[in-house]
Amino acid sequence: MNNYVELHKYLDERLADLGKEIPMQMGGFARLHKKAVADGALSRKMKEMMALAISISVGCEGCIAYHTHDAVQAGATRDELLETIGVGIMMAGGPGSIYGVHALDAVEQFLPE
């Protein structure tokens, strides 16, 4: 089992390092990310849950760590996150179920009962 809290922290640090190495590209991506998840017709929480479902369907553990963390920070509940995992699995089938387990681990680490 991965430690998603530590993975999130590690990626945060390394993405900052990457931003120093390639500031134009990472700065552009940071602006895109900020605008894409900002509250609008859809809330930030809903957008982070959408990103989590996509993370499961494409099999990206780092993305699972990031978007679980950010969804929790935006106020997502355990039940909302579990339904989000279900949507990710539906979109990816069998392989998605494996990443759904990873997402459940992340939920339990970022949102302990």
C-alpha atoms as a PDB file:
ATOM      1  CA  MET A   1       0.000   0.000   0.000  1.00  0.00           C
ATOM      2  CA  ASN A   2       1.264   3.450  -0.884  1.00  0.00           C
ATOM      3  CA  ASN A   3       1.416   6.289   1.587  1.00  0.00           C
ATOM      4  CA  TYR A   4      -0.595   8.867  -0.348  1.00  0.00           C
ATOM      5  CA  VAL A   5      -0.037  11.620   2.200  1.00  0.00           C
ATOM      6  CA  GLU A   6       3.722  11.253   1.742  1.00  0.00           C
ATOM      7  CA  LEU A   7       3.348  10.862  -2.032  1.00  0.00           C
ATOM      8  CA  HIS A   8       1.379  14.133  -2.161  1.00  0.00           C
ATOM      9  CA  LYS A   9       4.047  15.898  -0.093  1.00  0.00           C
ATOM     10  CA  TYR A  10       6.851  14.474  -2.270  1.00  0.00           C
ATOM     11  CA  LEU A  11       5.121  15.459  -5.508  1.00  0.00           C
ATOM     12  CA  ASP A  12       4.419  18.955  -4.181  1.00  0.00           C
ATOM     13  CA  GLU A  13       8.135  19.429  -3.494  1.00  0.00           C
ATOM     14  CA  ARG A  14       9.302  17.917  -6.769  1.00  0.00           C
ATOM     15  CA  LEU A  15       6.778  19.836  -8.845  1.00  0.00           C
ATOM     16  CA  ALA A  16       8.108  23.029  -7.264  1.00  0.00           C
ATOM     17  CA  ASP A  17      11.620  21.900  -8.240  1.00  0.00           C
ATOM     18  CA  LEU A  18      10.438  21.166 -11.768  1.00  0.00           C
ATOM     19  CA  GLY A  19       8.843  24.626 -11.858  1.00  0.00           C
ATOM     20  CA  LYS A  20      12.250  26.146 -11.170  1.00  0.00           C
ATOM     21  CA  GLU A  21      13.801  24.117 -13.986  1.00  0.00           C
ATOM     22  CA  ILE A  22      11.103  24.777 -16.586  1.00  0.00           C
ATOM     23  CA  PRO A  23       9.186  27.803 -15.295  1.00  0.00           C
ATOM     24  CA  MET A  24       7.382  28.667 -18.528  1.00  0.00           C
ATOM     25  CA  GLN A  25       5.825  25.234 -18.967  1.00  0.00           C
ATOM     26  CA  MET A  26       5.027  24.592 -15.312  1.00  0.00           C
ATOM     27  CA  GLY A  27       3.812  28.151 -14.795  1.00  0.00           C
ATOM     28  CA  GLY A  28       1.419  27.713 -17.699  1.00  0.00           C
ATOM     29  CA  PHE A  29       0.205  24.412 -16.308  1.00  0.00           C
ATOM     30  CA  ALA A  30      -0.228  25.926 -12.826  1.00  0.00           C
ATOM     31  CA  ARG A  31      -2.380  28.726 -14.253  1.00  0.00           C
ATOM     32  CA  LEU A  32      -4.449  26.200 -16.241  1.00  0.00           C
ATOM     33  CA  HIS A  33      -4.948  24.046 -13.154  1.00  0.00           C
ATOM     34  CA  LYS A  34      -5.959  27.006 -10.987  1.00  0.00           C
ATOM     35  CA  LYS A  35      -8.518  28.243 -13.524  1.00  0.00           C
ATOM     36  CA  ALA A  36      -9.854  24.764 -14.332  1.00  0.00           C
ATOM     37  CA  VAL A  37     -10.691  23.889 -10.713  1.00  0.00           C
ATOM     38  CA  ALA A  38     -11.908  27.327  -9.623  1.00  0.00           C
ATOM     39  CA  ASP A  39     -15.525  27.600  -8.504  1.00  0.00           C
ATOM     40  CA  GLY A  40     -17.836  28.362 -11.385  1.00  0.00           C
ATOM     41  CA  ALA A  41     -20.998  26.635 -12.611  1.00  0.00           C
ATOM     42  CA  LEU A  42     -19.418  23.593 -10.943  1.00  0.00           C
ATOM     43  CA  SER A  43     -17.855  23.847  -7.505  1.00  0.00           C
ATOM     44  CA  ARG A  44     -14.172  23.239  -6.865  1.00  0.00           C
ATOM     45  CA  LYS A  45     -15.172  20.166  -4.849  1.00  0.00           C
ATOM     46  CA  MET A  46     -17.116  18.707  -7.787  1.00  0.00           C
ATOM     47  CA  LYS A  47     -14.236  19.404 -10.178  1.00  0.00           C
ATOM     48  CA  GLU A  48     -11.728  17.716  -7.856  1.00  0.00           C
ATOM     49  CA  MET A  49     -13.987  14.678  -7.609  1.00  0.00           C
ATOM     50  CA  MET A  50     -14.219  14.608 -11.407  1.00  0.00           C
ATOM     51  CA  ALA A  51     -10.425  14.756 -11.580  1.00  0.00           C
ATOM     52  CA  LEU A  52     -10.208  11.896  -9.082  1.00  0.00           C
ATOM     53  CA  ALA A  53     -12.527   9.733 -11.212  1.00  0.00           C
ATOM     54  CA  ILE A  54     -10.386  10.485 -14.256  1.00  0.00           C
ATOM     55  CA  SER A  55      -7.232   9.707 -12.257  1.00  0.00           C
ATOM     56  CA  ILE A  56      -8.640   6.264 -11.507  1.00  0.00           C
ATOM     57  CA  SER A  57      -9.648   5.659 -15.116  1.00  0.00           C
ATOM     58  CA  VAL A  58      -6.203   6.584 -16.483  1.00  0.00           C
ATOM     59  CA  GLY A  59      -4.324   4.798 -13.685  1.00  0.00           C
ATOM     60  CA  CYS A  60      -2.310   7.684 -12.244  1.00  0.00           C
ATOM     61  CA  GLU A  61      -1.402   7.144  -8.590  1.00  0.00           C
ATOM     62  CA  GLY A  62       0.155  10.598  -8.220  1.00  0.00           C
ATOM     63  CA  CYS A  63      -3.043  12.123  -9.583  1.00  0.00           C
ATOM     64  CA  ILE A  64      -5.078  10.006  -7.151  1.00  0.00           C
ATOM     65  CA  ALA A  65      -2.990  11.421  -4.295  1.00  0.00           C
ATOM     66  CA  TYR A  66      -3.334  14.995  -5.513  1.00  0.00           C
ATOM     67  CA  HIS A  67      -7.028  15.004  -6.317  1.00  0.00           C
ATOM     68  CA  THR A  68      -8.060  13.041  -3.226  1.00  0.00           C
ATOM     69  CA  HIS A  69      -6.149  15.561  -1.109  1.00  0.00           C
ATOM     70  CA  ASP A  70      -7.650  18.509  -2.954  1.00  0.00           C
ATOM     71  CA  ALA A  71     -11.191  17.069  -2.895  1.00  0.00           C
ATOM     72  CA  VAL A  72     -10.936  16.588   0.869  1.00  0.00           C
ATOM     73  CA  GLN A  73      -9.602  20.142   1.227  1.00  0.00           C
ATOM     74  CA  ALA A  74     -12.588  21.335  -0.821  1.00  0.00           C
ATOM     75  CA  GLY A  75     -14.989  19.601   1.574  1.00  0.00           C
ATOM     76  CA  ALA A  76     -15.686  16.242  -0.066  1.00  0.00           C
ATOM     77  CA  THR A  77     -17.135  13.649   2.271  1.00  0.00           C
ATOM     78  CA  ARG A  78     -16.243   9.976   2.437  1.00  0.00           C
ATOM     79  CA  ASP A  79     -19.571   9.057   0.795  1.00  0.00           C
ATOM     80  CA  GLU A  80     -18.984  11.530  -2.047  1.00  0.00           C
ATOM     81  CA  LEU A  81     -15.477  10.184  -2.567  1.00  0.00           C
ATOM     82  CA  LEU A  82     -16.698   6.588  -2.583  1.00  0.00           C
ATOM     83  CA  GLU A  83     -19.261   7.436  -5.265  1.00  0.00           C
ATOM     84  CA  THR A  84     -16.508   9.195  -7.203  1.00  0.00           C
ATOM     85  CA  ILE A  85     -14.400   6.030  -7.021  1.00  0.00           C
ATOM     86  CA  GLY A  86     -17.377   4.098  -8.387  1.00  0.00           C
ATOM     87  CA  VAL A  87     -17.598   6.420 -11.401  1.00  0.00           C
ATOM     88  CA  GLY A  88     -13.854   6.030 -12.046  1.00  0.00           C
ATOM     89  CA  ILE A  89     -14.183   2.250 -11.954  1.00  0.00           C
ATOM     90  CA  MET A  90     -17.207   2.345 -14.257  1.00  0.00           C
ATOM     91  CA  MET A  91     -15.193   4.312 -16.797  1.00  0.00           C
ATOM     92  CA  ALA A  92     -12.147   2.019 -16.639  1.00  0.00           C
ATOM     93  CA  GLY A  93     -13.528  -1.450 -15.955  1.00  0.00           C
ATOM     94  CA  GLY A  94     -11.292  -4.101 -14.397  1.00  0.00           C
ATOM     95  CA  PRO A  95      -8.091  -2.054 -14.317  1.00  0.00           C
ATOM     96  CA  GLY A  96     -10.086   0.784 -12.797  1.00  0.00           C
ATOM     97  CA  SER A  97     -11.087  -1.445  -9.913  1.00  0.00           C
ATOM     98  CA  ILE A  98      -7.409  -1.817  -8.995  1.00  0.00           C
ATOM     99  CA  TYR A  99      -6.896   1.950  -9.053  1.00  0.00           C
ATOM    100  CA  GLY A 100     -10.184   2.258  -7.160  1.00  0.00           C
ATOM    101  CA  VAL A 101      -8.504   0.338  -4.333  1.00  0.00           C
ATOM    102  CA  HIS A 102      -5.601   2.797  -4.485  1.00  0.00           C
ATOM    103  CA  ALA A 103      -8.099   5.664  -4.296  1.00  0.00           C
ATOM    104  CA  LEU A 104      -9.801   4.047  -1.290  1.00  0.00           C
ATOM    105  CA  ASP A 105      -6.406   3.879   0.416  1.00  0.00           C
ATOM    106  CA  ALA A 106      -5.905   7.583  -0.337  1.00  0.00           C
ATOM    107  CA  VAL A 107      -9.374   8.487   0.980  1.00  0.00           C
ATOM    108  CA  GLU A 108      -8.683   6.631   4.206  1.00  0.00           C
ATOM    109  CA  GLN A 109      -5.310   8.353   4.601  1.00  0.00           C
ATOM    110  CA  PHE A 110      -6.504  11.905   3.862  1.00  0.00           C
ATOM    111  CA  LEU A 111      -9.894  11.520   5.560  1.00  0.00           C
ATOM    112  CA  PRO A 112      -9.445   9.246   8.561  1.00  0.00           C
ATOM    113  CA  GLU A 113     -12.616   8.362  10.388  1.00  0.00           C
END
